[in-house]
Amino acid sequence: MNQVTEQACPTGKAMGRLIGLSAIGIFIFFIPISLQGKQSIPLDHMVSWLRGALGDAGAAWYAMGMILAGAVHPLVTGRWRESITDKVFLLLKWLGLAAGIMAVTGAGPAILQAPDMLPFLFNKLVISVGLIVPLGSVFLAFLVGYGLLEAIGILVQKLMQPIWRTPGRSAIDAVASFVGSYSIGLLITNRVYSSGHYSAREAAIIATGFSTVSATFMIIVAKTLDLMDIWNQYFWLTLLITFIVTAITVRLPPLSTMDNHARHREPECNAGNRLGVAWQNGLEVAEQAPGLGKSIIDNFKDGLVMTISILPSIMSVGLLGLLIAKFTPVFDWLGYLFYPVTWLWGMEDGMALSRATAAGLAEMFLPALLMGEADFIARFAAGVVCVSSVLFFSASIPCILATRIPLKVGTLVVVWFIRALLSLLLAIPTAMLVASWQ
């Protein structure tokens, strides 16, 4: 009886943290609310408010400050000396700084100031990512620090492990990416991997298989491809195909051959006591977690580092990808790798869809831009592939390289090709099925 009494106080504190703080995190990231005629998650409303408060000029110069910091940061830390890849990305960051200056000032060649070039990259991607990652990282402290991940991990363990070969807690990463942002999902993955709760293979699977663009960005894709009248079918089928592709990819090299050792493993339990073990495990983590202030500061620091790491690369790599797609045959050549799939299904716009799929390696939005005028099946397939491929050089690949997850550029390109090929193979018959419903 005395032992129970002694544990009552810490358990009460832990319950308050697990239930109260985690509930705030769930509300911020996952509960859509309507404000001023717009329905979205609270984090998106906060970003919209912050962007409005800053104004166009303020948001632009804020983003430029982050880009400048990102260009200087490798020089200060000396990380640029560690590998050839780091040296290349240092150069790209400084090219991104130059591109950012041109975007803000309107200087430079007229061809770069076309609406689908620098203005698109800077206004649609850089400013949005630059605001959502630091702000989102503050509220990550509520979501990932006080037992919620651990509790959910136990509950869905039997689903995640056999299908995707990842711990149950990775379900949070997947949902965070689709509801919030791939950058938020990667921020969670990096934090959990750094704490030893993911192996290198598990972190790589999550980063390359779940951390795709958010549902809000998928709306932009659907609008561009004129798919909003079938939004529900597009969203849920894309989600399904993305996770099917991930389930296949994890069983193939290079992901299947990565190290699978983690310092901390989720406790195994049988179905009979799963809820009790999940609750107890969450309470233990909540009890031992640092104070809220420290968690917020630590997560905010990580968010700032990630922000300054990816913004310059979005500008430089994204611009190079757009220029290559518009003025060279490079993506035509790469498109031949995917053409057998479109030929197999007898696609009228098969070569165009193959080329658009290849262009997605540079920037995920390129397939949507290139296929906006195609027939329904090609448009639907392009909309699925650009999301399900997950990896692209303008943002997600630099974002992954900015984490501690041991993935190299070559490995990421191989994973992208496998994902793009499988996505296309599934997306075309799915599009045909949806077309038959209309």
Protein backbone atom coordinates (compact mmCIF):
# COMPACT_ATOMS: atom_id res chain seq x y z
CA MET A 1 0.00 0.00 0.00
CA ASN A 2 2.84 2.38 0.83
CA GLN A 3 4.42 1.66 -2.53
CA VAL A 4 1.20 2.64 -4.29
CA THR A 5 1.00 5.87 -2.29
CA GLU A 6 4.61 6.75 -3.10
CA GLN A 7 3.94 6.35 -6.82
CA ALA A 8 0.67 8.33 -6.83
CA CYS A 9 2.23 11.80 -7.14
CA PRO A 10 4.64 11.07 -9.99
CA THR A 11 1.90 9.15 -11.80
CA GLY A 12 -0.41 12.16 -11.49
CA LYS A 13 2.29 14.40 -12.97
CA ALA A 14 2.90 11.90 -15.74
CA MET A 15 -0.82 11.64 -16.51
CA GLY A 16 -1.07 15.42 -16.79
CA ARG A 17 1.82 15.49 -19.22
CA LEU A 18 0.74 12.49 -21.29
CA ILE A 19 -2.89 13.56 -21.58
CA GLY A 20 -2.70 17.35 -21.40
CA LEU A 21 0.46 18.23 -23.32
CA SER A 22 -0.03 15.49 -25.91
CA ALA A 23 -3.61 16.67 -26.47
CA ILE A 24 -2.29 20.15 -27.28
CA GLY A 25 0.12 18.62 -29.80
CA ILE A 26 -2.66 16.57 -31.40
CA PHE A 27 -4.86 19.65 -31.66
CA ILE A 28 -2.12 21.78 -33.24
CA PHE A 29 -1.12 19.23 -35.86
CA PHE A 30 -4.18 17.10 -36.58
CA ILE A 31 -7.53 18.78 -35.78
CA PRO A 32 -8.89 20.93 -38.62
CA ILE A 33 -10.68 24.09 -37.53
CA SER A 34 -12.35 26.83 -39.54
CA LEU A 35 -11.05 30.40 -39.27
CA GLN A 36 -12.05 33.27 -41.55
CA GLY A 37 -13.62 30.90 -44.04
CA LYS A 38 -10.57 28.62 -44.25
CA GLN A 39 -10.56 25.13 -42.76
CA SER A 40 -7.16 23.72 -41.85
CA ILE A 41 -5.07 22.53 -38.92
CA PRO A 42 -4.16 25.18 -36.29
CA LEU A 43 -0.48 25.12 -37.32
CA ASP A 44 -1.42 26.11 -40.87
CA HIS A 45 -3.62 28.92 -39.52
CA MET A 46 -0.69 30.14 -37.40
CA VAL A 47 1.62 30.14 -40.41
CA SER A 48 -0.96 32.03 -42.47
CA TRP A 49 -1.40 34.58 -39.69
CA LEU A 50 2.36 34.98 -39.28
CA ARG A 51 2.85 35.42 -43.00
CA GLY A 52 0.09 38.02 -43.07
CA ALA A 53 1.59 39.82 -40.07
CA LEU A 54 4.99 39.95 -41.71
CA GLY A 55 3.56 41.15 -45.01
CA ASP A 56 4.99 40.24 -48.40
CA ALA A 57 8.16 42.26 -47.89
CA GLY A 58 8.71 41.08 -44.31
CA ALA A 59 8.20 37.40 -45.22
CA ALA A 60 10.55 37.76 -48.19
CA TRP A 61 13.36 39.32 -46.18
CA TYR A 62 12.85 36.82 -43.37
CA ALA A 63 13.29 34.00 -45.88
CA MET A 64 16.38 35.73 -47.27
CA GLY A 65 17.83 35.91 -43.77
CA MET A 66 17.31 32.15 -43.37
CA ILE A 67 18.89 31.49 -46.78
CA LEU A 68 21.91 33.64 -45.87
CA ALA A 69 22.26 31.81 -42.55
CA GLY A 70 22.07 28.49 -44.40
CA ALA A 71 24.85 29.52 -46.78
CA VAL A 72 27.11 30.66 -43.95
CA HIS A 73 26.34 27.83 -41.48
CA PRO A 74 28.51 25.13 -43.16
CA LEU A 75 31.46 27.54 -43.16
CA VAL A 76 31.03 28.26 -39.45
CA THR A 77 30.67 24.60 -38.45
CA GLY A 78 33.29 23.33 -40.90
CA ARG A 79 30.94 20.56 -42.01
CA TRP A 80 31.56 21.40 -45.66
CA ARG A 81 34.98 19.72 -45.37
CA GLU A 82 33.53 16.32 -44.37
CA SER A 83 32.71 14.94 -47.84
CA ILE A 84 32.41 15.77 -51.51
CA THR A 85 28.63 15.84 -51.09
CA ASP A 86 28.93 18.51 -48.38
CA LYS A 87 31.21 20.58 -50.65
CA VAL A 88 28.73 20.32 -53.51
CA PHE A 89 25.83 21.38 -51.30
CA LEU A 90 27.88 24.30 -49.97
CA LEU A 91 28.20 25.52 -53.55
CA LEU A 92 24.48 24.93 -54.12
CA LYS A 93 23.61 26.88 -50.97
CA TRP A 94 25.54 29.90 -52.23
CA LEU A 95 23.89 29.57 -55.62
CA GLY A 96 20.61 29.47 -53.72
CA LEU A 97 21.55 32.70 -51.97
CA ALA A 98 22.17 34.36 -55.34
CA ALA A 99 18.85 33.00 -56.65
CA GLY A 100 17.08 34.30 -53.54
CA ILE A 101 18.50 37.78 -54.04
CA MET A 102 17.25 37.78 -57.63
CA ALA A 103 13.82 36.56 -56.49
CA VAL A 104 13.48 39.36 -53.93
CA THR A 105 14.92 42.19 -56.04
CA GLY A 106 13.57 41.12 -59.43
CA ALA A 107 17.07 41.41 -60.84
CA GLY A 108 18.65 39.00 -63.28
CA PRO A 109 17.59 37.52 -66.64
CA ALA A 110 13.94 37.87 -67.55
CA ILE A 111 13.74 34.14 -68.16
CA LEU A 112 14.35 33.52 -64.45
CA GLN A 113 11.60 35.95 -63.46
CA ALA A 114 8.90 34.00 -65.32
CA PRO A 115 6.01 33.06 -62.98
CA ASP A 116 6.96 29.37 -63.02
CA MET A 117 10.62 30.01 -62.18
CA LEU A 118 12.04 32.07 -59.29
CA PRO A 119 8.70 33.57 -58.16
CA PHE A 120 7.15 30.08 -57.88
CA LEU A 121 10.08 28.63 -55.93
CA PHE A 122 10.43 31.58 -53.58
CA ASN A 123 6.80 32.44 -52.87
CA LYS A 124 5.19 28.99 -52.94
CA LEU A 125 7.96 26.88 -51.40
CA VAL A 126 10.72 28.82 -49.67
CA ILE A 127 8.60 31.21 -47.62
CA SER A 128 6.08 28.51 -46.66
CA VAL A 129 8.74 26.02 -45.57
CA GLY A 130 10.73 28.77 -43.87
CA LEU A 131 7.77 29.62 -41.65
CA ILE A 132 6.23 26.21 -40.99
CA VAL A 133 9.36 24.35 -39.87
CA PRO A 134 10.51 26.66 -37.03
CA LEU A 135 6.95 27.31 -35.84
CA GLY A 136 6.03 23.65 -36.11
CA SER A 137 9.17 22.61 -34.22
CA VAL A 138 7.99 24.60 -31.19
CA PHE A 139 4.80 22.56 -30.95
CA LEU A 140 6.61 19.30 -31.67
CA ALA A 141 7.63 19.38 -28.02
CA PHE A 142 3.99 18.67 -27.12
CA LEU A 143 3.59 15.93 -29.71
CA VAL A 144 6.78 13.89 -29.40
CA GLY A 145 8.17 14.57 -25.95
CA TYR A 146 5.63 13.32 -23.42
CA GLY A 147 4.78 9.69 -24.13
CA LEU A 148 2.30 9.91 -27.02
CA LEU A 149 4.66 8.34 -29.58
CA GLU A 150 5.54 5.53 -27.21
CA ALA A 151 1.91 4.76 -26.35
CA ILE A 152 0.73 4.79 -29.96
CA GLY A 153 3.78 2.78 -30.93
CA ILE A 154 2.66 -0.12 -28.76
CA LEU A 155 -0.94 0.07 -30.02
CA VAL A 156 -0.08 -0.17 -33.74
CA GLN A 157 3.05 -2.28 -33.37
CA LYS A 158 1.47 -5.37 -34.95
CA LEU A 159 0.46 -3.33 -38.01
CA MET A 160 3.63 -1.31 -38.67
CA GLN A 161 6.23 -4.02 -38.09
CA PRO A 162 5.02 -6.76 -40.47
CA ILE A 163 3.93 -4.42 -43.28
CA TRP A 164 6.52 -1.62 -43.25
CA ARG A 165 9.17 -3.08 -40.91
CA THR A 166 9.16 -0.02 -38.70
CA PRO A 167 8.24 0.48 -35.02
CA GLY A 168 4.68 1.40 -34.14
CA ARG A 169 5.68 4.94 -33.22
CA SER A 170 6.47 5.60 -36.91
CA ALA A 171 2.71 5.93 -37.51
CA ILE A 172 2.98 9.44 -36.03
CA ASP A 173 5.67 10.36 -38.59
CA ALA A 174 3.49 9.17 -41.46
CA VAL A 175 0.43 11.09 -40.28
CA ALA A 176 2.46 14.22 -39.49
CA SER A 177 3.83 14.26 -43.04
CA PHE A 178 0.45 13.96 -44.75
CA VAL A 179 -1.40 16.30 -42.38
CA GLY A 180 1.38 18.78 -41.68
CA SER A 181 4.54 18.71 -43.80
CA TYR A 182 7.26 16.31 -44.92
CA SER A 183 9.73 18.61 -43.16
CA ILE A 184 7.81 18.18 -39.90
CA GLY A 185 7.76 14.41 -40.43
CA LEU A 186 11.53 14.41 -41.01
CA LEU A 187 12.02 16.58 -37.94
CA ILE A 188 10.20 13.96 -35.87
CA THR A 189 12.13 11.10 -37.50
CA ASN A 190 15.48 12.78 -36.92
CA ARG A 191 14.63 13.49 -33.29
CA VAL A 192 13.53 9.90 -32.61
CA TYR A 193 16.49 8.41 -34.52
CA SER A 194 18.96 10.62 -32.66
CA SER A 195 17.53 9.44 -29.34
CA GLY A 196 18.18 5.81 -30.36
CA HIS A 197 14.59 4.66 -30.81
CA TYR A 198 14.95 4.01 -34.57
CA SER A 199 17.62 1.96 -36.30
CA ALA A 200 19.32 3.40 -39.37
CA ARG A 201 17.16 1.21 -41.61
CA GLU A 202 13.94 2.18 -39.84
CA ALA A 203 14.78 5.89 -40.01
CA ALA A 204 15.63 5.55 -43.71
CA ILE A 205 12.38 3.70 -44.43
CA ILE A 206 10.36 6.40 -42.68
CA ALA A 207 12.27 9.28 -44.31
CA THR A 208 11.98 7.86 -47.84
CA GLY A 209 8.61 6.16 -47.52
CA PHE A 210 6.35 8.28 -45.36
CA SER A 211 7.77 11.83 -45.41
CA THR A 212 6.02 13.05 -48.54
CA VAL A 213 4.26 16.36 -49.16
CA SER A 214 1.32 17.37 -47.01
CA ALA A 215 -2.37 17.13 -47.77
CA THR A 216 -2.49 20.92 -48.12
CA PHE A 217 0.17 20.82 -50.85
CA MET A 218 -1.70 17.94 -52.47
CA ILE A 219 -4.60 20.35 -52.87
CA ILE A 220 -2.33 22.58 -54.98
CA VAL A 221 -1.41 19.54 -57.10
CA ALA A 222 -5.08 18.59 -57.51
CA LYS A 223 -6.02 22.12 -58.52
CA THR A 224 -3.21 22.27 -61.08
CA LEU A 225 -4.30 18.95 -62.58
CA ASP A 226 -8.03 19.80 -62.41
CA LEU A 227 -8.76 16.93 -59.99
CA MET A 228 -10.54 18.84 -57.22
CA ASP A 229 -13.94 17.47 -58.26
CA ILE A 230 -12.67 13.99 -57.24
CA TRP A 231 -10.53 15.20 -54.32
CA ASN A 232 -11.50 12.40 -51.92
CA GLN A 233 -10.70 9.65 -54.42
CA TYR A 234 -7.42 11.33 -55.36
CA PHE A 235 -6.28 11.86 -51.77
CA TRP A 236 -7.10 8.43 -50.35
CA LEU A 237 -5.92 6.47 -53.38
CA THR A 238 -2.66 8.43 -53.41
CA LEU A 239 -2.22 7.71 -49.71
CA LEU A 240 -2.88 4.01 -50.31
CA ILE A 241 -0.47 3.77 -53.27
CA THR A 242 2.24 5.63 -51.36
CA PHE A 243 2.09 3.15 -48.48
CA ILE A 244 1.87 0.12 -50.80
CA VAL A 245 4.99 1.30 -52.61
CA THR A 246 6.73 1.77 -49.26
CA ALA A 247 5.79 -1.77 -48.20
CA ILE A 248 7.45 -3.12 -51.37
CA THR A 249 10.48 -0.83 -51.29
CA VAL A 250 11.50 -1.79 -47.74
CA ARG A 251 11.99 -5.37 -48.95
CA LEU A 252 14.38 -4.34 -51.73
CA PRO A 253 17.98 -3.06 -51.65
CA PRO A 254 19.29 -0.57 -50.72
CA LEU A 255 16.89 -0.14 -47.78
CA SER A 256 16.67 -3.83 -46.92
CA THR A 257 20.45 -4.08 -46.43
CA MET A 258 20.87 -1.16 -44.00
CA ASP A 259 21.82 -1.60 -40.34
CA ASN A 260 18.80 -2.45 -38.19
CA HIS A 261 20.22 -1.96 -34.69
CA ALA A 262 18.55 0.55 -32.35
CA ARG A 263 19.64 1.40 -28.80
CA HIS A 264 16.06 1.42 -27.50
CA ARG A 265 13.30 -0.88 -28.65
CA GLU A 266 9.56 -0.70 -28.06
CA PRO A 267 8.54 -3.35 -25.55
CA GLU A 268 6.82 -6.36 -27.09
CA CYS A 269 3.44 -7.33 -25.71
CA ASN A 270 0.60 -9.70 -26.54
CA ALA A 271 -2.83 -8.59 -27.69
CA GLY A 272 -4.34 -9.16 -24.26
CA ASN A 273 -2.40 -6.46 -22.45
CA ARG A 274 -1.47 -4.15 -25.35
CA LEU A 275 -3.57 -1.19 -24.14
CA GLY A 276 -2.23 -1.47 -20.60
CA VAL A 277 1.39 -1.70 -21.75
CA ALA A 278 0.88 1.27 -24.10
CA TRP A 279 -0.56 3.38 -21.28
CA GLN A 280 2.18 2.43 -18.82
CA ASN A 281 4.95 2.99 -21.34
CA GLY A 282 3.58 6.44 -22.19
CA LEU A 283 3.38 7.36 -18.50
CA GLU A 284 6.97 6.30 -17.88
CA VAL A 285 8.26 8.43 -20.74
CA ALA A 286 6.14 11.41 -19.64
CA GLU A 287 7.47 11.08 -16.09
CA GLN A 288 11.11 11.05 -17.17
CA ALA A 289 10.83 13.73 -19.87
CA PRO A 290 12.54 17.12 -19.38
CA GLY A 291 10.53 20.25 -18.64
CA LEU A 292 8.38 21.80 -21.34
CA GLY A 293 10.62 24.86 -21.68
CA LYS A 294 13.73 22.79 -22.37
CA SER A 295 11.86 20.58 -24.85
CA ILE A 296 10.59 23.62 -26.76
CA ILE A 297 14.07 25.17 -26.91
CA ASP A 298 15.70 21.92 -28.08
CA ASN A 299 13.08 21.33 -30.77
CA PHE A 300 13.18 24.96 -31.91
CA LYS A 301 16.97 24.77 -32.34
CA ASP A 302 16.59 21.64 -34.46
CA GLY A 303 13.89 23.36 -36.49
CA LEU A 304 16.05 26.40 -37.19
CA VAL A 305 19.01 24.27 -38.27
CA MET A 306 16.78 22.28 -40.61
CA THR A 307 15.23 25.47 -42.01
CA ILE A 308 18.52 27.13 -42.88
CA SER A 309 19.80 23.83 -44.29
CA ILE A 310 17.01 23.29 -46.82
CA LEU A 311 15.95 26.79 -47.95
CA PRO A 312 19.07 27.62 -50.01
CA SER A 313 18.93 24.15 -51.63
CA ILE A 314 15.28 24.61 -52.58
CA MET A 315 16.23 27.78 -54.45
CA SER A 316 19.29 26.41 -56.26
CA VAL A 317 18.34 22.79 -56.99
CA GLY A 318 14.72 23.68 -57.67
CA LEU A 319 15.72 26.40 -60.16
CA LEU A 320 18.19 24.10 -61.91
CA GLY A 321 15.50 21.43 -62.19
CA LEU A 322 12.99 23.86 -63.65
CA LEU A 323 15.54 25.14 -66.19
CA ILE A 324 16.55 21.60 -67.20
CA ALA A 325 12.91 20.59 -67.63
CA LYS A 326 12.09 23.64 -69.70
CA PHE A 327 15.15 24.01 -71.93
CA THR A 328 16.95 20.65 -72.20
CA PRO A 329 16.09 17.06 -73.24
CA VAL A 330 17.55 15.56 -70.04
CA PHE A 331 14.18 14.54 -68.64
CA ASP A 332 13.20 13.22 -72.07
CA TRP A 333 16.15 10.85 -71.86
CA LEU A 334 15.37 9.84 -68.28
CA GLY A 335 11.75 9.40 -69.28
CA TYR A 336 12.68 6.42 -71.45
CA LEU A 337 13.37 4.50 -68.22
CA PHE A 338 9.67 4.80 -67.37
CA TYR A 339 8.24 4.55 -70.89
CA PRO A 340 7.88 0.71 -70.82
CA VAL A 341 5.32 1.11 -68.01
CA THR A 342 3.20 3.68 -69.88
CA TRP A 343 3.53 1.63 -73.08
CA LEU A 344 2.36 -1.46 -71.23
CA TRP A 345 -0.92 0.28 -70.39
CA GLY A 346 -1.33 1.78 -73.86
CA MET A 347 -1.21 5.41 -72.69
CA GLU A 348 -1.89 8.08 -75.33
CA ASP A 349 0.26 10.56 -73.39
CA GLY A 350 2.72 7.85 -72.37
CA MET A 351 5.96 9.60 -73.31
CA ALA A 352 4.82 12.88 -71.78
CA LEU A 353 3.89 11.11 -68.53
CA SER A 354 7.24 9.27 -68.51
CA ARG A 355 9.09 12.55 -68.96
CA ALA A 356 7.03 14.20 -66.22
CA THR A 357 7.76 11.30 -63.85
CA ALA A 358 11.49 11.74 -64.44
CA ALA A 359 11.22 15.50 -63.87
CA GLY A 360 9.80 14.81 -60.41
CA LEU A 361 13.33 13.98 -59.22
CA ALA A 362 14.20 17.68 -59.50
CA GLU A 363 10.97 19.08 -58.03
CA MET A 364 7.85 17.16 -57.04
CA PHE A 365 5.54 19.80 -58.51
CA LEU A 366 7.04 19.51 -62.02
CA PRO A 367 4.89 16.50 -63.07
CA ALA A 368 1.76 18.49 -62.24
CA LEU A 369 3.01 21.52 -64.17
CA LEU A 370 3.98 19.41 -67.20
CA MET A 371 0.77 17.33 -67.34
CA GLY A 372 -1.81 20.02 -66.63
CA GLU A 373 -3.32 19.79 -70.13
CA ALA A 374 -3.17 15.98 -70.58
CA ASP A 375 -6.09 13.55 -70.57
CA PHE A 376 -7.67 12.46 -67.27
CA ILE A 377 -5.74 9.20 -66.82
CA ALA A 378 -2.37 10.88 -67.40
CA ARG A 379 -3.28 13.78 -65.10
CA PHE A 380 -4.44 11.50 -62.30
CA ALA A 381 -1.37 9.26 -62.63
CA ALA A 382 0.94 12.29 -62.57
CA GLY A 383 -0.78 13.58 -59.45
CA VAL A 384 -0.24 10.27 -57.69
CA VAL A 385 3.37 9.78 -58.82
CA CYS A 386 4.60 13.21 -57.79
CA VAL A 387 3.40 12.53 -54.23
CA SER A 388 4.18 8.81 -53.95
CA SER A 389 7.76 9.18 -55.26
CA VAL A 390 8.49 11.18 -52.05
CA LEU A 391 12.07 12.16 -52.95
CA PHE A 392 13.08 15.26 -54.94
CA PHE A 393 16.17 17.45 -55.07
CA SER A 394 14.53 20.83 -54.51
CA ALA A 395 13.53 20.06 -50.92
CA SER A 396 13.07 16.57 -49.48
CA ILE A 397 16.51 15.19 -50.43
CA PRO A 398 18.41 18.19 -48.96
CA CYS A 399 16.10 17.96 -45.95
CA ILE A 400 17.02 14.29 -45.42
CA LEU A 401 20.72 15.05 -45.92
CA ALA A 402 20.43 17.71 -43.21
CA THR A 403 19.39 15.06 -40.67
CA ARG A 404 21.58 12.50 -38.92
CA ILE A 405 20.01 9.63 -40.90
CA PRO A 406 22.85 7.82 -42.76
CA LEU A 407 21.59 8.19 -46.33
CA LYS A 408 23.75 9.33 -49.26
CA VAL A 409 22.69 11.03 -52.47
CA GLY A 410 23.27 7.91 -54.59
CA THR A 411 21.15 5.78 -52.28
CA LEU A 412 18.34 8.33 -52.34
CA VAL A 413 18.33 8.45 -56.15
CA VAL A 414 18.08 4.64 -56.35
CA VAL A 415 15.20 4.64 -53.86
CA TRP A 416 13.50 7.43 -55.83
CA PHE A 417 13.72 5.43 -59.07
CA ILE A 418 12.23 2.32 -57.46
CA ARG A 419 9.43 4.35 -55.89
CA ALA A 420 8.67 6.28 -59.08
CA LEU A 421 8.56 3.12 -61.18
CA LEU A 422 6.29 1.26 -58.74
CA SER A 423 4.08 4.35 -58.28
CA LEU A 424 3.60 4.69 -62.02
CA LEU A 425 2.86 0.97 -62.35
CA LEU A 426 0.06 1.28 -59.76
CA ALA A 427 -1.18 4.78 -60.58
CA ILE A 428 -2.12 4.16 -64.23
CA PRO A 429 -4.56 1.26 -63.66
CA THR A 430 -5.93 3.11 -60.62
CA ALA A 431 -6.56 6.16 -62.83
CA MET A 432 -8.31 3.94 -65.37
CA LEU A 433 -10.51 2.53 -62.62
CA VAL A 434 -11.40 6.01 -61.35
CA ALA A 435 -12.18 7.09 -64.92
CA SER A 436 -14.63 4.18 -65.25
CA TRP A 437 -16.49 5.48 -62.17
CA GLN A 438 -17.10 8.89 -63.72
